[in-house]
Amino acid sequence: MKRILLGLWAALSLVAALPAAAAEGGAPLDRFPKERVTDLAALQNGAKLFVNYCLNCHAASMVRYNRLTDSAVGLSEVQIKDNLLFAAEKVGETMTVALQPKQGKEWFGTAPPDLSLIARSRASGAGSGADYLYTYMRTFYRDDTKATGWNNLVFPSVAMPHVLWQLQGQQRAVFVERPDAHDPKKTTLAFDRFEPISPGSLSKTEYDAAVADLVAYLQWMGEPAQNQRVRIGVWVLLFLGLFTLIAWRLNAAYWKDVK
């Protein structure tokens, strides 16, 4: 039994030490700073960014505005009405948009997806859904061959334009020829680096932090009770650990005179 437990521990340690795998577009995923999900200020800023930049095209029809009064986000109904309630009249309404799926398909080539569960739906062997979104929102680059003028490393030929470009600025992707991993006689274009074209209103560090806040909100939105679930889980594990210790000692005391 001890060998099995040691083997499992070694396997888990090896997996945790592995770098992020490549996403669907071949770009490695950056690790999302998980502590943002429990940061009140980060979630509030993420909600503001979501309403101002995402809710124009993407709905979150499974979430109501008054859910933001949850202790995890900590907004009052007055704050929601004054700062976030642009696409509805009452805080009890869901986060819907006026854009019709037919219009979205005509303008972008595909209807913008609902973002209620986007962070959960993007999880894969390459990383969590939050890792995917965190990398995705930071790897847009100018591409004049695309209808929107933008492309993305994580999601090549994406129909979505870069809605946060004024914050991040504009950048171009530099690709270089490298030997094909499967056939050394051939070469393939591989991403090398980004080169800035024009600066945005935020520095790179500030933009990365803003994206982390937005992704934290998207992750919270996919499971609003997750922080409470984690807190309860910690207490449950502590109880089970204590109970196991008590049961072990009781078992030893009960059988000591039977041997």
C-alpha atoms as a PDB file:
ATOM      1  CA  MET A   1       0.000   0.000   0.000  1.00  0.00           C
ATOM      2  CA  LYS A   2       2.838   2.355   0.870  1.00  0.00           C
ATOM      3  CA  ARG A   3       4.486   1.734  -2.506  1.00  0.00           C
ATOM      4  CA  ILE A   4       1.223   2.469  -4.326  1.00  0.00           C
ATOM      5  CA  LEU A   5       0.757   5.770  -2.469  1.00  0.00           C
ATOM      6  CA  LEU A   6       4.371   6.776  -3.155  1.00  0.00           C
ATOM      7  CA  GLY A   7       3.906   5.931  -6.846  1.00  0.00           C
ATOM      8  CA  LEU A   8       0.747   8.026  -7.078  1.00  0.00           C
ATOM      9  CA  TRP A   9       2.456  10.931  -5.318  1.00  0.00           C
ATOM     10  CA  ALA A  10       5.409  10.762  -7.715  1.00  0.00           C
ATOM     11  CA  ALA A  11       3.078  10.701 -10.740  1.00  0.00           C
ATOM     12  CA  LEU A  12       1.108  13.708  -9.510  1.00  0.00           C
ATOM     13  CA  SER A  13       4.326  15.611  -8.784  1.00  0.00           C
ATOM     14  CA  LEU A  14       5.577  14.891 -12.314  1.00  0.00           C
ATOM     15  CA  VAL A  15       2.355  16.115 -13.897  1.00  0.00           C
ATOM     16  CA  ALA A  16       2.399  19.292 -11.813  1.00  0.00           C
ATOM     17  CA  ALA A  17       5.977  19.990 -12.906  1.00  0.00           C
ATOM     18  CA  LEU A  18       5.247  19.699 -16.613  1.00  0.00           C
ATOM     19  CA  PRO A  19       5.068  22.965 -18.597  1.00  0.00           C
ATOM     20  CA  ALA A  20       1.800  24.029 -20.159  1.00  0.00           C
ATOM     21  CA  ALA A  21       0.968  22.053 -23.257  1.00  0.00           C
ATOM     22  CA  ALA A  22       0.115  23.584 -26.594  1.00  0.00           C
ATOM     23  CA  ALA A  23      -3.387  24.897 -27.183  1.00  0.00           C
ATOM     24  CA  GLU A  24      -5.472  24.178 -30.265  1.00  0.00           C
ATOM     25  CA  GLY A  25      -3.522  26.749 -32.280  1.00  0.00           C
ATOM     26  CA  GLY A  26      -0.127  25.377 -31.227  1.00  0.00           C
ATOM     27  CA  ALA A  27       0.662  28.170 -28.758  1.00  0.00           C
ATOM     28  CA  PRO A  28       1.600  27.110 -25.207  1.00  0.00           C
ATOM     29  CA  LEU A  29      -0.821  28.296 -22.556  1.00  0.00           C
ATOM     30  CA  ASP A  30       0.323  30.724 -19.875  1.00  0.00           C
ATOM     31  CA  ARG A  31      -0.730  29.969 -16.323  1.00  0.00           C
ATOM     32  CA  PHE A  32      -3.596  32.077 -15.065  1.00  0.00           C
ATOM     33  CA  PRO A  33      -2.907  33.606 -11.607  1.00  0.00           C
ATOM     34  CA  LYS A  34      -5.482  31.606  -9.615  1.00  0.00           C
ATOM     35  CA  GLU A  35      -5.401  33.896  -6.613  1.00  0.00           C
ATOM     36  CA  ARG A  36      -7.413  36.431  -8.626  1.00  0.00           C
ATOM     37  CA  VAL A  37     -10.581  34.342  -8.232  1.00  0.00           C
ATOM     38  CA  THR A  38     -10.636  35.055  -4.497  1.00  0.00           C
ATOM     39  CA  ASP A  39      -9.598  38.714  -4.838  1.00  0.00           C
ATOM     40  CA  LEU A  40     -12.614  41.000  -4.312  1.00  0.00           C
ATOM     41  CA  ALA A  41     -11.094  43.970  -6.162  1.00  0.00           C
ATOM     42  CA  ALA A  42     -10.029  41.758  -9.085  1.00  0.00           C
ATOM     43  CA  LEU A  43     -13.525  40.285  -9.503  1.00  0.00           C
ATOM     44  CA  GLN A  44     -15.131  43.725  -9.348  1.00  0.00           C
ATOM     45  CA  ASN A  45     -12.752  45.086 -11.969  1.00  0.00           C
ATOM     46  CA  GLY A  46     -13.323  41.961 -14.064  1.00  0.00           C
ATOM     47  CA  ALA A  47     -17.087  42.521 -13.914  1.00  0.00           C
ATOM     48  CA  LYS A  48     -16.580  46.106 -15.083  1.00  0.00           C
ATOM     49  CA  LEU A  49     -14.393  45.015 -17.989  1.00  0.00           C
ATOM     50  CA  PHE A  50     -16.851  42.273 -18.940  1.00  0.00           C
ATOM     51  CA  VAL A  51     -19.840  44.620 -19.053  1.00  0.00           C
ATOM     52  CA  ASN A  52     -17.960  47.348 -20.936  1.00  0.00           C
ATOM     53  CA  TYR A  53     -16.076  45.250 -23.486  1.00  0.00           C
ATOM     54  CA  CYS A  54     -17.713  41.808 -23.771  1.00  0.00           C
ATOM     55  CA  LEU A  55     -21.399  42.296 -23.096  1.00  0.00           C
ATOM     56  CA  ASN A  56     -21.831  44.293 -26.312  1.00  0.00           C
ATOM     57  CA  CYS A  57     -21.795  41.084 -28.392  1.00  0.00           C
ATOM     58  CA  HIS A  58     -21.542  38.176 -25.932  1.00  0.00           C
ATOM     59  CA  ALA A  59     -24.388  37.395 -23.573  1.00  0.00           C
ATOM     60  CA  ALA A  60     -24.164  35.624 -20.228  1.00  0.00           C
ATOM     61  CA  SER A  61     -27.757  34.459 -20.178  1.00  0.00           C
ATOM     62  CA  MET A  62     -27.286  32.072 -17.231  1.00  0.00           C
ATOM     63  CA  VAL A  63     -26.201  34.859 -14.876  1.00  0.00           C
ATOM     64  CA  ARG A  64     -28.357  37.567 -13.338  1.00  0.00           C
ATOM     65  CA  TYR A  65     -26.994  40.981 -12.420  1.00  0.00           C
ATOM     66  CA  ASN A  66     -28.057  40.584  -8.800  1.00  0.00           C
ATOM     67  CA  ARG A  67     -25.731  37.567  -8.541  1.00  0.00           C
ATOM     68  CA  LEU A  68     -22.945  40.148  -8.320  1.00  0.00           C
ATOM     69  CA  THR A  69     -24.150  40.983  -4.812  1.00  0.00           C
ATOM     70  CA  ASP A  70     -22.653  37.612  -3.819  1.00  0.00           C
ATOM     71  CA  SER A  71     -20.003  37.953  -1.116  1.00  0.00           C
ATOM     72  CA  ALA A  72     -17.376  36.797  -3.630  1.00  0.00           C
ATOM     73  CA  VAL A  73     -17.917  39.934  -5.764  1.00  0.00           C
ATOM     74  CA  GLY A  74     -19.391  42.188  -3.092  1.00  0.00           C
ATOM     75  CA  LEU A  75     -21.279  44.762  -5.171  1.00  0.00           C
ATOM     76  CA  SER A  76     -24.449  46.442  -3.929  1.00  0.00           C
ATOM     77  CA  GLU A  77     -27.574  46.784  -6.070  1.00  0.00           C
ATOM     78  CA  VAL A  78     -26.975  50.534  -6.223  1.00  0.00           C
ATOM     79  CA  GLN A  79     -23.454  50.015  -7.588  1.00  0.00           C
ATOM     80  CA  ILE A  80     -24.775  47.548 -10.166  1.00  0.00           C
ATOM     81  CA  LYS A  81     -27.507  49.965 -11.306  1.00  0.00           C
ATOM     82  CA  ASP A  82     -25.131  52.937 -11.525  1.00  0.00           C
ATOM     83  CA  ASN A  83     -22.150  51.225 -13.148  1.00  0.00           C
ATOM     84  CA  LEU A  84     -23.073  47.927 -14.812  1.00  0.00           C
ATOM     85  CA  LEU A  85     -26.754  47.921 -15.769  1.00  0.00           C
ATOM     86  CA  PHE A  86     -26.507  49.050 -19.400  1.00  0.00           C
ATOM     87  CA  ALA A  87     -28.324  46.229 -21.218  1.00  0.00           C
ATOM     88  CA  ALA A  88     -31.210  45.698 -18.781  1.00  0.00           C
ATOM     89  CA  GLU A  89     -33.624  47.634 -16.574  1.00  0.00           C
ATOM     90  CA  LYS A  90     -33.695  45.566 -13.370  1.00  0.00           C
ATOM     91  CA  VAL A  91     -30.912  43.896 -11.413  1.00  0.00           C
ATOM     92  CA  GLY A  92     -32.903  40.673 -11.415  1.00  0.00           C
ATOM     93  CA  GLU A  93     -32.600  40.318 -15.189  1.00  0.00           C
ATOM     94  CA  THR A  94     -30.093  38.088 -16.949  1.00  0.00           C
ATOM     95  CA  MET A  95     -27.086  39.410 -18.850  1.00  0.00           C
ATOM     96  CA  THR A  96     -28.482  39.386 -22.368  1.00  0.00           C
ATOM     97  CA  VAL A  97     -27.568  41.498 -25.398  1.00  0.00           C
ATOM     98  CA  ALA A  98     -29.560  43.118 -28.198  1.00  0.00           C
ATOM     99  CA  LEU A  99     -27.419  41.456 -30.872  1.00  0.00           C
ATOM    100  CA  GLN A 100     -29.327  38.654 -32.594  1.00  0.00           C
ATOM    101  CA  PRO A 101     -27.498  35.426 -33.574  1.00  0.00           C
ATOM    102  CA  LYS A 102     -28.434  36.049 -37.216  1.00  0.00           C
ATOM    103  CA  GLN A 103     -26.845  39.504 -37.117  1.00  0.00           C
ATOM    104  CA  GLY A 104     -23.721  38.138 -35.448  1.00  0.00           C
ATOM    105  CA  LYS A 105     -23.335  35.514 -38.148  1.00  0.00           C
ATOM    106  CA  GLU A 106     -23.724  38.137 -40.891  1.00  0.00           C
ATOM    107  CA  TRP A 107     -21.197  40.515 -39.334  1.00  0.00           C
ATOM    108  CA  PHE A 108     -18.593  38.111 -37.921  1.00  0.00           C
ATOM    109  CA  GLY A 109     -19.207  34.902 -39.848  1.00  0.00           C
ATOM    110  CA  THR A 110     -20.453  33.150 -36.710  1.00  0.00           C
ATOM    111  CA  ALA A 111     -22.754  34.028 -33.835  1.00  0.00           C
ATOM    112  CA  PRO A 112     -20.810  35.222 -30.751  1.00  0.00           C
ATOM    113  CA  PRO A 113     -21.102  32.468 -28.103  1.00  0.00           C
ATOM    114  CA  ASP A 114     -22.715  32.888 -24.710  1.00  0.00           C
ATOM    115  CA  LEU A 115     -19.963  33.365 -22.107  1.00  0.00           C
ATOM    116  CA  SER A 116     -21.747  32.021 -19.027  1.00  0.00           C
ATOM    117  CA  LEU A 117     -19.682  28.819 -19.020  1.00  0.00           C
ATOM    118  CA  ILE A 118     -16.850  29.778 -21.361  1.00  0.00           C
ATOM    119  CA  ALA A 119     -14.127  29.284 -18.722  1.00  0.00           C
ATOM    120  CA  ARG A 120     -15.308  25.754 -17.993  1.00  0.00           C
ATOM    121  CA  SER A 121     -15.886  24.804 -21.616  1.00  0.00           C
ATOM    122  CA  ARG A 122     -12.327  25.719 -22.654  1.00  0.00           C
ATOM    123  CA  ALA A 123     -10.599  23.414 -20.179  1.00  0.00           C
ATOM    124  CA  SER A 124      -8.510  20.705 -21.840  1.00  0.00           C
ATOM    125  CA  GLY A 125      -5.358  18.664 -21.460  1.00  0.00           C
ATOM    126  CA  ALA A 126      -3.401  21.796 -22.370  1.00  0.00           C
ATOM    127  CA  GLY A 127      -4.589  23.623 -19.280  1.00  0.00           C
ATOM    128  CA  SER A 128      -7.610  25.006 -17.496  1.00  0.00           C
ATOM    129  CA  GLY A 129     -10.223  27.144 -19.213  1.00  0.00           C
ATOM    130  CA  ALA A 130      -8.829  30.125 -17.320  1.00  0.00           C
ATOM    131  CA  ASP A 131      -5.339  29.389 -18.716  1.00  0.00           C
ATOM    132  CA  TYR A 132      -6.814  29.305 -22.220  1.00  0.00           C
ATOM    133  CA  LEU A 133      -8.691  32.608 -21.865  1.00  0.00           C
ATOM    134  CA  TYR A 134      -5.764  34.328 -20.145  1.00  0.00           C
ATOM    135  CA  THR A 135      -3.467  33.410 -23.046  1.00  0.00           C
ATOM    136  CA  TYR A 136      -6.100  34.041 -25.707  1.00  0.00           C
ATOM    137  CA  MET A 137      -6.800  37.637 -24.645  1.00  0.00           C
ATOM    138  CA  ARG A 138      -3.069  38.443 -24.662  1.00  0.00           C
ATOM    139  CA  THR A 139      -2.072  36.932 -28.025  1.00  0.00           C
ATOM    140  CA  PHE A 140      -4.068  38.955 -30.545  1.00  0.00           C
ATOM    141  CA  TYR A 141      -1.984  40.447 -33.324  1.00  0.00           C
ATOM    142  CA  ARG A 142      -2.529  42.491 -36.461  1.00  0.00           C
ATOM    143  CA  ASP A 143      -3.193  40.480 -39.625  1.00  0.00           C
ATOM    144  CA  ASP A 144      -4.348  42.388 -42.712  1.00  0.00           C
ATOM    145  CA  THR A 145      -5.329  39.148 -44.472  1.00  0.00           C
ATOM    146  CA  LYS A 146      -8.262  38.689 -42.062  1.00  0.00           C
ATOM    147  CA  ALA A 147     -11.622  40.412 -42.385  1.00  0.00           C
ATOM    148  CA  THR A 148     -11.372  41.982 -38.924  1.00  0.00           C
ATOM    149  CA  GLY A 149      -7.697  42.866 -39.291  1.00  0.00           C
ATOM    150  CA  TRP A 150      -6.829  40.650 -36.315  1.00  0.00           C
ATOM    151  CA  ASN A 151      -5.615  37.125 -35.712  1.00  0.00           C
ATOM    152  CA  ASN A 152      -4.796  35.096 -32.605  1.00  0.00           C
ATOM    153  CA  LEU A 153      -2.091  32.594 -31.684  1.00  0.00           C
ATOM    154  CA  VAL A 154      -4.338  30.416 -29.541  1.00  0.00           C
ATOM    155  CA  PHE A 155      -7.302  30.502 -31.935  1.00  0.00           C
ATOM    156  CA  PRO A 156      -5.964  31.023 -35.500  1.00  0.00           C
ATOM    157  CA  SER A 157      -8.335  32.783 -37.925  1.00  0.00           C
ATOM    158  CA  VAL A 158     -10.668  33.705 -35.086  1.00  0.00           C
ATOM    159  CA  ALA A 159     -13.712  35.729 -36.158  1.00  0.00           C
ATOM    160  CA  MET A 160     -13.578  37.936 -33.076  1.00  0.00           C
ATOM    161  CA  PRO A 161     -11.705  41.253 -33.339  1.00  0.00           C
ATOM    162  CA  HIS A 162      -9.438  42.373 -30.534  1.00  0.00           C
ATOM    163  CA  VAL A 163     -11.878  44.349 -28.369  1.00  0.00           C
ATOM    164  CA  LEU A 164      -9.195  45.318 -25.836  1.00  0.00           C
ATOM    165  CA  TRP A 165      -6.682  46.671 -28.353  1.00  0.00           C
ATOM    166  CA  GLN A 166      -6.980  50.228 -27.043  1.00  0.00           C
ATOM    167  CA  LEU A 167      -5.824  48.947 -23.654  1.00  0.00           C
ATOM    168  CA  GLN A 168      -3.090  46.628 -24.905  1.00  0.00           C
ATOM    169  CA  GLY A 169      -2.019  48.474 -28.024  1.00  0.00           C
ATOM    170  CA  GLN A 170      -1.258  46.867 -31.378  1.00  0.00           C
ATOM    171  CA  GLN A 171       1.368  44.224 -32.057  1.00  0.00           C
ATOM    172  CA  ARG A 172       2.504  42.068 -34.944  1.00  0.00           C
ATOM    173  CA  ALA A 173       3.537  38.427 -34.762  1.00  0.00           C
ATOM    174  CA  VAL A 174       6.929  37.409 -36.136  1.00  0.00           C
ATOM    175  CA  PHE A 175       7.151  33.876 -37.529  1.00  0.00           C
ATOM    176  CA  VAL A 176      10.371  32.094 -38.502  1.00  0.00           C
ATOM    177  CA  GLU A 177      11.115  28.933 -40.468  1.00  0.00           C
ATOM    178  CA  ARG A 178      12.135  25.972 -38.350  1.00  0.00           C
ATOM    179  CA  PRO A 179      12.700  22.279 -39.122  1.00  0.00           C
ATOM    180  CA  ASP A 180       9.545  20.226 -39.083  1.00  0.00           C
ATOM    181  CA  ALA A 181       9.466  18.006 -35.987  1.00  0.00           C
ATOM    182  CA  HIS A 182       8.079  15.129 -38.037  1.00  0.00           C
ATOM    183  CA  ASP A 183      10.221  15.545 -41.159  1.00  0.00           C
ATOM    184  CA  PRO A 184      13.660  17.219 -40.790  1.00  0.00           C
ATOM    185  CA  LYS A 185      13.803  17.750 -44.565  1.00  0.00           C
ATOM    186  CA  LYS A 186      10.878  20.138 -44.382  1.00  0.00           C
ATOM    187  CA  THR A 187      10.465  23.462 -42.628  1.00  0.00           C
ATOM    188  CA  THR A 188       7.456  25.009 -40.984  1.00  0.00           C
ATOM    189  CA  LEU A 189       6.574  28.524 -39.846  1.00  0.00           C
ATOM    190  CA  ALA A 190       6.731  28.847 -36.081  1.00  0.00           C
ATOM    191  CA  PHE A 191       5.904  31.798 -33.854  1.00  0.00           C
ATOM    192  CA  ASP A 192       9.005  33.599 -32.611  1.00  0.00           C
ATOM    193  CA  ARG A 193       7.920  36.814 -30.872  1.00  0.00           C
ATOM    194  CA  PHE A 194       5.610  39.807 -30.836  1.00  0.00           C
ATOM    195  CA  GLU A 195       6.756  43.248 -32.020  1.00  0.00           C
ATOM    196  CA  PRO A 196       4.872  46.354 -30.854  1.00  0.00           C
ATOM    197  CA  ILE A 197       3.212  48.581 -33.464  1.00  0.00           C
ATOM    198  CA  SER A 198       1.579  51.176 -31.236  1.00  0.00           C
ATOM    199  CA  PRO A 199       1.219  51.394 -27.432  1.00  0.00           C
ATOM    200  CA  GLY A 200      -2.062  51.095 -25.593  1.00  0.00           C
ATOM    201  CA  SER A 201      -3.387  53.008 -22.610  1.00  0.00           C
ATOM    202  CA  LEU A 202      -1.975  50.337 -20.265  1.00  0.00           C
ATOM    203  CA  SER A 203       1.544  49.026 -19.836  1.00  0.00           C
ATOM    204  CA  LYS A 204       2.188  45.330 -20.445  1.00  0.00           C
ATOM    205  CA  THR A 205       2.077  44.584 -16.713  1.00  0.00           C
ATOM    206  CA  GLU A 206      -1.125  46.585 -16.262  1.00  0.00           C
ATOM    207  CA  TYR A 207      -2.757  44.915 -19.259  1.00  0.00           C
ATOM    208  CA  ASP A 208      -1.847  41.427 -18.059  1.00  0.00           C
ATOM    209  CA  ALA A 209      -3.370  42.297 -14.670  1.00  0.00           C
ATOM    210  CA  ALA A 210      -6.552  43.606 -16.326  1.00  0.00           C
ATOM    211  CA  VAL A 211      -6.903  40.427 -18.390  1.00  0.00           C
ATOM    212  CA  ALA A 212      -6.340  38.344 -15.258  1.00  0.00           C
ATOM    213  CA  ASP A 213      -9.187  40.248 -13.573  1.00  0.00           C
ATOM    214  CA  LEU A 214     -11.477  39.671 -16.557  1.00  0.00           C
ATOM    215  CA  VAL A 215     -10.668  35.955 -16.669  1.00  0.00           C
ATOM    216  CA  ALA A 216     -11.173  35.670 -12.907  1.00  0.00           C
ATOM    217  CA  TYR A 217     -14.662  37.076 -13.358  1.00  0.00           C
ATOM    218  CA  LEU A 218     -15.386  34.705 -16.253  1.00  0.00           C
ATOM    219  CA  GLN A 219     -14.241  31.764 -14.135  1.00  0.00           C
ATOM    220  CA  TRP A 220     -16.350  32.921 -11.187  1.00  0.00           C
ATOM    221  CA  MET A 221     -19.348  33.364 -13.487  1.00  0.00           C
ATOM    222  CA  GLY A 222     -19.092  29.729 -14.629  1.00  0.00           C
ATOM    223  CA  GLU A 223     -19.422  28.560 -11.006  1.00  0.00           C
ATOM    224  CA  PRO A 224     -20.366  31.376  -8.595  1.00  0.00           C
ATOM    225  CA  ALA A 225     -20.259  29.034  -5.579  1.00  0.00           C
ATOM    226  CA  GLN A 226     -16.727  27.798  -6.251  1.00  0.00           C
ATOM    227  CA  ASN A 227     -15.032  29.888  -3.551  1.00  0.00           C
ATOM    228  CA  GLN A 228     -17.570  28.746  -0.973  1.00  0.00           C
ATOM    229  CA  ARG A 229     -17.143  25.155  -2.167  1.00  0.00           C
ATOM    230  CA  VAL A 230     -13.373  25.379  -1.689  1.00  0.00           C
ATOM    231  CA  ARG A 231     -13.734  26.825   1.819  1.00  0.00           C
ATOM    232  CA  ILE A 232     -16.174  24.085   2.837  1.00  0.00           C
ATOM    233  CA  GLY A 233     -13.899  21.473   1.261  1.00  0.00           C
ATOM    234  CA  VAL A 234     -10.973  22.563   3.425  1.00  0.00           C
ATOM    235  CA  TRP A 235     -13.033  22.127   6.596  1.00  0.00           C
ATOM    236  CA  VAL A 236     -14.297  18.743   5.394  1.00  0.00           C
ATOM    237  CA  LEU A 237     -10.744  17.520   4.759  1.00  0.00           C
ATOM    238  CA  LEU A 238      -9.620  18.761   8.183  1.00  0.00           C
ATOM    239  CA  PHE A 239     -12.534  16.946   9.813  1.00  0.00           C
ATOM    240  CA  LEU A 240     -11.805  13.732   7.915  1.00  0.00           C
ATOM    241  CA  GLY A 241      -8.122  13.940   8.861  1.00  0.00           C
ATOM    242  CA  LEU A 242      -8.949  14.437  12.548  1.00  0.00           C
ATOM    243  CA  PHE A 243     -11.596  11.692  12.489  1.00  0.00           C
ATOM    244  CA  THR A 244      -9.157   9.296  10.809  1.00  0.00           C
ATOM    245  CA  LEU A 245      -6.599   9.920  13.559  1.00  0.00           C
ATOM    246  CA  ILE A 246      -9.221   9.330  16.273  1.00  0.00           C
ATOM    247  CA  ALA A 247     -10.511   6.169  14.566  1.00  0.00           C
ATOM    248  CA  TRP A 248      -6.951   4.834  14.197  1.00  0.00           C
ATOM    249  CA  ARG A 249      -6.197   5.306  17.921  1.00  0.00           C
ATOM    250  CA  LEU A 250      -9.567   3.852  18.964  1.00  0.00           C
ATOM    251  CA  ASN A 251      -8.923   0.834  16.765  1.00  0.00           C
ATOM    252  CA  ALA A 252      -5.503   0.325  18.364  1.00  0.00           C
ATOM    253  CA  ALA A 253      -6.951   0.669  21.871  1.00  0.00           C
ATOM    254  CA  TYR A 254      -9.777  -1.779  21.141  1.00  0.00           C
ATOM    255  CA  TRP A 255      -7.569  -4.546  19.739  1.00  0.00           C
ATOM    256  CA  LYS A 256      -4.545  -4.251  22.038  1.00  0.00           C
ATOM    257  CA  ASP A 257      -5.824  -6.921  24.474  1.00  0.00           C
ATOM    258  CA  VAL A 258      -7.255  -9.241  21.799  1.00  0.00           C
ATOM    259  CA  LYS A 259      -3.955 -10.234  20.238  1.00  0.00           C
END
